[in-house]
Amino acid sequence: MQYLVSVIADTTDFSTPDEQAAIDVFNDRLQAEGHWVFAGGLGGPDTATVIDNRGAEALFTDGPFVESKEFLIGFWIIEAPDLDVALKLAAEGSKACNRKTEVRPFL
């Protein structure tokens, strides 16, 4: 089963050198244990463009879709045998990056 582990931030500050080192160790562990599928960091909300093409023509709007204090700053896509393992890994990822995480299964 694959899970999306979202990294949630409330500031656009990049990770500190210590946080990045911990993330690298966590990523290496995910890969070594066969949980790694893909991961990435994202630009801040000010770099977002929202596209709505449900009408006669596409509308492009700068900025995030939702105005919120918290936003998605990165993610992991992991393989895990069940939700309990995914939650344990997400907790370790939260510790490594020093930010909150959210886990959602792919359907």
C-alpha atoms as a PDB file:
ATOM      1  CA  MET A   1       0.000   0.000   0.000  1.00  0.00           C
ATOM      2  CA  GLN A   2       1.247   3.478  -0.787  1.00  0.00           C
ATOM      3  CA  TYR A   3       0.768   6.494   1.459  1.00  0.00           C
ATOM      4  CA  LEU A   4       1.280  10.217   1.027  1.00  0.00           C
ATOM      5  CA  VAL A   5       3.077  11.729   4.006  1.00  0.00           C
ATOM      6  CA  SER A   6       2.574  15.491   3.744  1.00  0.00           C
ATOM      7  CA  VAL A   7       4.919  17.854   5.554  1.00  0.00           C
ATOM      8  CA  ILE A   8       3.022  20.816   7.001  1.00  0.00           C
ATOM      9  CA  ALA A   9       4.689  24.124   7.796  1.00  0.00           C
ATOM     10  CA  ASP A  10       3.640  27.526   9.047  1.00  0.00           C
ATOM     11  CA  THR A  11       6.745  29.353   7.831  1.00  0.00           C
ATOM     12  CA  THR A  12       8.580  29.352   4.513  1.00  0.00           C
ATOM     13  CA  ASP A  13      11.937  29.033   6.262  1.00  0.00           C
ATOM     14  CA  PHE A  14      13.974  26.261   4.717  1.00  0.00           C
ATOM     15  CA  SER A  15      15.229  23.454   6.900  1.00  0.00           C
ATOM     16  CA  THR A  16      18.242  24.153   9.047  1.00  0.00           C
ATOM     17  CA  PRO A  17      21.459  22.241   8.350  1.00  0.00           C
ATOM     18  CA  ASP A  18      20.699  19.957  11.323  1.00  0.00           C
ATOM     19  CA  GLU A  19      17.140  19.325  10.092  1.00  0.00           C
ATOM     20  CA  GLN A  20      18.403  18.605   6.570  1.00  0.00           C
ATOM     21  CA  ALA A  21      20.957  16.144   7.936  1.00  0.00           C
ATOM     22  CA  ALA A  22      18.192  14.365   9.900  1.00  0.00           C
ATOM     23  CA  ILE A  23      15.967  14.303   6.799  1.00  0.00           C
ATOM     24  CA  ASP A  24      18.820  12.789   4.776  1.00  0.00           C
ATOM     25  CA  VAL A  25      19.282  10.054   7.402  1.00  0.00           C
ATOM     26  CA  PHE A  26      15.530   9.382   7.407  1.00  0.00           C
ATOM     27  CA  ASN A  27      15.446   9.247   3.579  1.00  0.00           C
ATOM     28  CA  ASP A  28      18.376   6.807   3.553  1.00  0.00           C
ATOM     29  CA  ARG A  29      16.531   4.607   6.049  1.00  0.00           C
ATOM     30  CA  LEU A  30      13.330   4.655   3.985  1.00  0.00           C
ATOM     31  CA  GLN A  31      15.334   3.560   0.955  1.00  0.00           C
ATOM     32  CA  ALA A  32      17.288   0.860   2.826  1.00  0.00           C
ATOM     33  CA  GLU A  33      14.104  -0.623   4.313  1.00  0.00           C
ATOM     34  CA  GLY A  34      12.162  -0.586   1.020  1.00  0.00           C
ATOM     35  CA  HIS A  35       9.622   2.085   2.016  1.00  0.00           C
ATOM     36  CA  TRP A  36      10.895   4.801  -0.355  1.00  0.00           C
ATOM     37  CA  VAL A  37       8.868   5.636  -3.458  1.00  0.00           C
ATOM     38  CA  PHE A  38       9.435   9.364  -3.962  1.00  0.00           C
ATOM     39  CA  ALA A  39       9.875  12.583  -1.978  1.00  0.00           C
ATOM     40  CA  GLY A  40      10.158  16.275  -2.650  1.00  0.00           C
ATOM     41  CA  GLY A  41      10.148  19.728  -1.174  1.00  0.00           C
ATOM     42  CA  LEU A  42       7.840  22.455  -2.434  1.00  0.00           C
ATOM     43  CA  GLY A  43       8.119  26.202  -2.833  1.00  0.00           C
ATOM     44  CA  GLY A  44       6.157  28.397  -0.465  1.00  0.00           C
ATOM     45  CA  PRO A  45       2.526  29.377  -1.059  1.00  0.00           C
ATOM     46  CA  ASP A  46       3.603  32.608  -2.760  1.00  0.00           C
ATOM     47  CA  THR A  47       5.026  30.502  -5.623  1.00  0.00           C
ATOM     48  CA  ALA A  48       1.686  28.756  -6.304  1.00  0.00           C
ATOM     49  CA  THR A  49      -0.609  29.292  -9.278  1.00  0.00           C
ATOM     50  CA  VAL A  50      -4.205  28.069  -9.166  1.00  0.00           C
ATOM     51  CA  ILE A  51      -5.792  27.041 -12.486  1.00  0.00           C
ATOM     52  CA  ASP A  52      -9.574  26.743 -12.881  1.00  0.00           C
ATOM     53  CA  ASN A  53     -10.543  25.446 -16.307  1.00  0.00           C
ATOM     54  CA  ARG A  54     -14.142  24.500 -15.508  1.00  0.00           C
ATOM     55  CA  GLY A  55     -15.618  27.438 -17.425  1.00  0.00           C
ATOM     56  CA  ALA A  56     -15.364  28.810 -20.932  1.00  0.00           C
ATOM     57  CA  GLU A  57     -11.642  29.491 -20.544  1.00  0.00           C
ATOM     58  CA  ALA A  58      -8.915  28.752 -18.019  1.00  0.00           C
ATOM     59  CA  LEU A  59      -8.449  31.223 -15.177  1.00  0.00           C
ATOM     60  CA  PHE A  60      -4.971  31.523 -13.660  1.00  0.00           C
ATOM     61  CA  THR A  61      -4.642  33.048 -10.193  1.00  0.00           C
ATOM     62  CA  ASP A  62      -1.388  33.743  -8.357  1.00  0.00           C
ATOM     63  CA  GLY A  63      -1.014  32.464  -4.842  1.00  0.00           C
ATOM     64  CA  PRO A  64      -2.372  29.540  -2.890  1.00  0.00           C
ATOM     65  CA  PHE A  65      -5.845  28.074  -3.316  1.00  0.00           C
ATOM     66  CA  VAL A  66      -6.520  28.322   0.410  1.00  0.00           C
ATOM     67  CA  GLU A  67      -5.466  31.200   2.622  1.00  0.00           C
ATOM     68  CA  SER A  68      -4.151  29.466   5.700  1.00  0.00           C
ATOM     69  CA  LYS A  69      -1.455  29.795   8.329  1.00  0.00           C
ATOM     70  CA  GLU A  70      -0.302  26.243   7.544  1.00  0.00           C
ATOM     71  CA  PHE A  71       0.557  24.833   4.137  1.00  0.00           C
ATOM     72  CA  LEU A  72       2.161  21.869   2.377  1.00  0.00           C
ATOM     73  CA  ILE A  73       5.943  22.356   2.148  1.00  0.00           C
ATOM     74  CA  GLY A  74       7.035  18.851   1.138  1.00  0.00           C
ATOM     75  CA  PHE A  75       6.057  15.214   0.999  1.00  0.00           C
ATOM     76  CA  TRP A  76       7.094  11.589   0.949  1.00  0.00           C
ATOM     77  CA  ILE A  77       5.338   8.837  -0.931  1.00  0.00           C
ATOM     78  CA  ILE A  78       6.039   5.630   0.941  1.00  0.00           C
ATOM     79  CA  GLU A  79       5.270   1.921   0.723  1.00  0.00           C
ATOM     80  CA  ALA A  80       4.044   0.342   3.936  1.00  0.00           C
ATOM     81  CA  PRO A  81       2.260  -2.939   4.657  1.00  0.00           C
ATOM     82  CA  ASP A  82      -0.428  -1.175   6.688  1.00  0.00           C
ATOM     83  CA  LEU A  83      -1.511   2.120   8.241  1.00  0.00           C
ATOM     84  CA  ASP A  84       0.231   1.410  11.550  1.00  0.00           C
ATOM     85  CA  VAL A  85       3.620   1.182   9.825  1.00  0.00           C
ATOM     86  CA  ALA A  86       2.856   4.298   7.739  1.00  0.00           C
ATOM     87  CA  LEU A  87       1.951   6.246  10.900  1.00  0.00           C
ATOM     88  CA  LYS A  88       5.137   5.121  12.645  1.00  0.00           C
ATOM     89  CA  LEU A  89       7.234   6.211   9.661  1.00  0.00           C
ATOM     90  CA  ALA A  90       5.382   9.538   9.434  1.00  0.00           C
ATOM     91  CA  ALA A  91       6.081  10.159  13.126  1.00  0.00           C
ATOM     92  CA  GLU A  92       9.770   9.567  12.483  1.00  0.00           C
ATOM     93  CA  GLY A  93       9.628  11.868   9.450  1.00  0.00           C
ATOM     94  CA  SER A  94       7.969  14.553  11.571  1.00  0.00           C
ATOM     95  CA  LYS A  95      10.805  14.281  14.076  1.00  0.00           C
ATOM     96  CA  ALA A  96      13.447  14.415  11.318  1.00  0.00           C
ATOM     97  CA  CYS A  97      12.093  17.527   9.586  1.00  0.00           C
ATOM     98  CA  ASN A  98      10.833  19.190  12.791  1.00  0.00           C
ATOM     99  CA  ARG A  99       7.398  19.830  11.270  1.00  0.00           C
ATOM    100  CA  LYS A 100       3.942  18.263  11.455  1.00  0.00           C
ATOM    101  CA  THR A 101       3.062  15.494   9.009  1.00  0.00           C
ATOM    102  CA  GLU A 102      -0.219  14.086   7.709  1.00  0.00           C
ATOM    103  CA  VAL A 103      -0.722  10.553   6.360  1.00  0.00           C
ATOM    104  CA  ARG A 104      -3.225   9.649   3.644  1.00  0.00           C
ATOM    105  CA  PRO A 105      -3.521   6.382   1.725  1.00  0.00           C
ATOM    106  CA  PHE A 106      -3.657   6.309  -2.049  1.00  0.00           C
ATOM    107  CA  LEU A 107      -6.912   4.802  -3.291  1.00  0.00           C
END
